[in-house]
Amino acid sequence: MKHEKFQPLRFVFIGGLATLVHILVAAILIFSFPLLHVYLINITAFLFAFMFSFLGHQYITFQKEGSIVKFLGMSLLGFLLNNIILTLGLLFSLPDFYALVIATMCVPLLTYVVSKNLIFKGSANG
């Protein structure tokens, strides 16, 4: 595989862009449709970011075919894990910011390992 040592950096880059996609889609929907419920907006923005992330990781980060179903499952579990770690941090009386940073830093590392070893282990993209 080309430049496998740069995979973690590509993973961070694509993940960061996916986060921006989420925020941008949410902002567009919030300001364009102010009566739309915020949870519907968040789910819609998540789906756009999810597709961006999946395609970006498939074609740029890992350069291998991946399972979109497994990636969705991992994304949803990652979101759940993030909230569990955040809740634990708060239960141990960590300041909100520190608990959030710890939760946010733990999940991407696990997501990278799962993505590399379970989701994007198909044949290389040509």
Protein backbone atom coordinates (compact mmCIF):
# COMPACT_ATOMS: atom_id res chain seq x y z
CA MET A 1 0.00 0.00 0.00
CA LYS A 2 1.23 3.47 -0.88
CA HIS A 3 2.58 5.46 2.06
CA GLU A 4 0.95 3.39 4.81
CA LYS A 5 2.95 5.32 7.41
CA PHE A 6 0.80 8.37 6.57
CA GLN A 7 -2.49 6.54 7.22
CA PRO A 8 -2.99 8.00 10.71
CA LEU A 9 -2.51 11.54 9.36
CA ARG A 10 -4.91 10.90 6.49
CA PHE A 11 -7.39 9.47 9.02
CA VAL A 12 -7.22 12.64 11.12
CA PHE A 13 -7.51 14.83 8.01
CA ILE A 14 -10.60 13.03 6.67
CA GLY A 15 -12.16 12.90 10.15
CA GLY A 16 -11.60 16.63 10.59
CA LEU A 17 -13.17 17.38 7.21
CA ALA A 18 -16.12 15.11 8.06
CA THR A 19 -16.63 17.11 11.25
CA LEU A 20 -16.68 20.31 9.21
CA VAL A 21 -19.22 18.75 6.83
CA HIS A 22 -21.42 17.88 9.83
CA ILE A 23 -21.24 21.44 11.17
CA LEU A 24 -21.78 23.05 7.75
CA VAL A 25 -24.82 20.92 6.89
CA ALA A 26 -26.28 21.55 10.34
CA ALA A 27 -25.73 25.31 10.02
CA ILE A 28 -27.34 25.41 6.57
CA LEU A 29 -30.37 23.48 7.80
CA ILE A 30 -30.75 25.48 11.02
CA PHE A 31 -30.69 28.81 9.21
CA SER A 32 -32.70 27.66 6.18
CA PHE A 33 -35.38 25.74 8.07
CA PRO A 34 -35.68 27.28 11.54
CA LEU A 35 -38.77 25.23 12.39
CA LEU A 36 -37.03 21.90 11.73
CA HIS A 37 -36.35 20.00 14.96
CA VAL A 38 -32.71 20.13 16.04
CA TYR A 39 -32.46 16.33 16.40
CA LEU A 40 -33.64 15.85 12.81
CA ILE A 41 -31.06 18.41 11.71
CA ASN A 42 -28.34 16.61 13.68
CA ILE A 43 -29.23 13.21 12.21
CA THR A 44 -29.26 14.64 8.68
CA ALA A 45 -25.89 16.33 9.23
CA PHE A 46 -24.50 13.10 10.72
CA LEU A 47 -25.57 11.17 7.60
CA PHE A 48 -23.85 13.64 5.27
CA ALA A 49 -20.68 13.56 7.39
CA PHE A 50 -20.90 9.77 7.63
CA MET A 51 -20.96 9.38 3.84
CA PHE A 52 -18.11 11.87 3.43
CA SER A 53 -16.10 10.03 6.08
CA PHE A 54 -16.74 6.57 4.64
CA LEU A 55 -15.79 7.58 1.09
CA GLY A 56 -12.80 9.62 2.27
CA HIS A 57 -11.45 6.75 4.35
CA GLN A 58 -12.11 4.24 1.58
CA TYR A 59 -10.41 6.23 -1.19
CA ILE A 60 -7.87 8.36 0.68
CA THR A 61 -7.05 6.98 4.12
CA PHE A 62 -6.96 3.22 3.55
CA GLN A 63 -7.25 3.03 -0.25
CA LYS A 64 -9.21 -0.22 0.07
CA GLU A 65 -12.83 -1.24 -0.24
CA GLY A 66 -14.74 -1.08 2.99
CA SER A 67 -18.05 -2.24 4.40
CA ILE A 68 -20.49 0.67 4.72
CA VAL A 69 -22.68 -1.38 7.08
CA LYS A 70 -19.76 -2.10 9.41
CA PHE A 71 -18.64 1.52 9.20
CA LEU A 72 -22.11 2.73 10.17
CA GLY A 73 -22.17 0.31 13.10
CA MET A 74 -18.73 1.46 14.19
CA SER A 75 -19.72 5.13 13.84
CA LEU A 76 -22.82 4.64 15.98
CA LEU A 77 -20.88 2.65 18.57
CA GLY A 78 -18.18 5.31 18.57
CA PHE A 79 -20.78 7.96 19.31
CA LEU A 80 -22.17 5.83 22.14
CA LEU A 81 -18.67 5.14 23.52
CA ASN A 82 -17.85 8.84 23.39
CA ASN A 83 -20.90 9.60 25.53
CA ILE A 84 -20.10 6.79 27.98
CA ILE A 85 -16.52 8.05 28.46
CA LEU A 86 -17.82 11.59 28.82
CA THR A 87 -20.35 10.48 31.43
CA LEU A 88 -17.67 8.57 33.37
CA GLY A 89 -15.41 11.61 33.33
CA LEU A 90 -18.20 13.74 34.69
CA LEU A 91 -19.04 11.14 37.35
CA PHE A 92 -15.41 11.33 38.48
CA SER A 93 -15.85 15.10 38.80
CA LEU A 94 -13.60 16.04 35.91
CA PRO A 95 -14.31 19.52 34.57
CA ASP A 96 -16.61 19.37 31.54
CA PHE A 97 -13.87 20.43 29.13
CA TYR A 98 -11.39 17.77 30.30
CA ALA A 99 -14.01 15.04 30.24
CA LEU A 100 -14.97 16.05 26.71
CA VAL A 101 -11.36 16.14 25.52
CA ILE A 102 -10.64 12.69 26.99
CA ALA A 103 -13.76 11.20 25.39
CA THR A 104 -12.99 12.85 22.08
CA MET A 105 -9.37 11.66 22.06
CA CYS A 106 -10.11 8.04 23.02
CA VAL A 107 -12.70 7.22 20.38
CA PRO A 108 -10.74 8.16 17.21
CA LEU A 109 -7.85 5.89 18.19
CA LEU A 110 -10.22 2.96 18.64
CA THR A 111 -12.05 3.91 15.43
CA TYR A 112 -8.77 3.92 13.50
CA VAL A 113 -7.81 0.46 14.75
CA VAL A 114 -11.25 -1.00 13.99
CA SER A 115 -11.38 0.68 10.57
CA LYS A 116 -7.94 -0.55 9.57
CA ASN A 117 -8.42 -4.13 10.77
CA LEU A 118 -12.14 -4.83 10.24
CA ILE A 119 -13.77 -2.39 7.88
CA PHE A 120 -11.25 -1.42 5.21
CA LYS A 121 -9.49 -4.71 4.65
CA GLY A 122 -10.92 -5.35 1.20
CA SER A 123 -9.02 -5.12 -2.07
CA ALA A 124 -7.04 -2.02 -2.88
CA ASN A 125 -8.74 0.76 -4.86
CA GLY A 126 -7.21 1.07 -8.27
